[in-house]
Amino acid sequence: MRWVSRIVLIAACMFMAVSSYAEVDITPIIGYVLTEPRVAEMSDGKYCVNYELVIANATKADFSLEEIRVVDPARSDAVITTLQADEITREIYIPGADKPSLKIPAGKSGYIKINLTFDAKDAVPQEVEHVIMASADTPLPMLPQPAIGRIGRSAVSSGPAVVIGPPLKGAGWAACVVGADGYHRKAVMPIGGTWVAPERWAVDWIQLDEANKLLTGAIEKNESYPQYGREIIAVADGSIESVQDGMPDIPAGKAPELKSLNDAAGNCIIQDIGGGFYALYAHLQPGSLKVKKGDTVEKGQVIALLGNSGNTTGPHLHFHVIHGPSPLGSDGVPYVIDSFIVRGTAVSKDGLQTELERGEVVTVKAAGDDGARSMKMPADLSVVDFKE
């Protein structure tokens, strides 16, 4: 009788285990959000959340992505946006692929750039998650066609914005290649054993003259650009983490010859601005740096002159804020500038490249208000004035 009772007890326990066993599905595409996204409060009234979804094909079959839905788990999986085939193809990067495509070969990994825009702050989600639909080129056992999986659940940072002052003085500064589109967003590199996106929120600052032109002379001469030689100022009180000097200014329009990745920023300054954040000022004039490692600087202090050194095809200030001291090995974060005036938005189909090459006057669509902005990040192609 004891044995019978024991068998009955074991059977009962087995039944309880089976009855409480949750069904699981194989997820052929796995992934995670590279770093916790931060909200950028832009000068055009938009709220942007840009980040990278790292993905990998964990099976022995090639899979093709069909759709990615970004959902808000805290709001009953409300769909924030849906990436269809064309947008996925535009935003995906798979190392070794001949060209961007929807296909993720067996065992391959990469990332997809996700760019979210909201009209109001209360519309920004506290979390994001990604519902991925993909089909195998050769069907696999136990996997439906298409396979649907949820990956990359992540909180959206609710921390305060990094606050800085302007890096320049004067009027007519155009903020170029900001946010979702352009080469800054593509600068995601394998550094230190992981993907890093240092330029996620970088700005290239160039200046329009009083006639709204980008050039005052020959296109190949640095001196023809209104911004060349302008003073660069510290965006906050802080200390100088590192400097690099001695690289020559190259002629505008000439492809740079870089010896290492460290030369990309050219002559540059990295400033500790507090809270674990650092500011990078890049492409400075050789010999113009007025600070050295370990110096303490004050907000608004002149620290260098704008040049054309490093990975650049024309004079500009490349500026970004990173969560760490390495200019290309730290995570790029958005920030807000405490005060500036938005004159308007430059109208250009290719980021002012045509206007530059043809020597044309840049059309600036005037701001619909007095232009005063406080605690905002300049939107792409906004033309702004800073205090002298």
Foldseek 3Di string as FASTA:
>chain_A
DVVVVVVVVVVVVVVVCVVPDDDDADDQKAWAWQDAWEWAQALVQKIKTKTKIKIWGADQFKKFWAKKFKFFVVVVRHTQDMDGFVQQQVFWDWPPDPGRGRIHHHGTITIGMDMGMDNDPVVDGQKIKMKIWMATPDDDPRADVTHIDIYHIHGHDPDDFAEWADFAAFFAKWWADAADDDDLCVLFDCDPNRTARASRGKTWIFGAPPLQWQFQDDLQAQVRGPQFFGFTWGGAWFFWAAWDADFAAGTAQDADDDPDPVQQQPTWTWTDRDPQKIKIWGAFHHPFAPDGGGDTDHGGHGGGTWGHGHGHRHTTIIMFMFNHRDSSHTHTHHHFHAKWFFQAFWDDPPRCPVCSVVRHRTDGDGDPDRRIDGGHHYDHRTTIHHHD
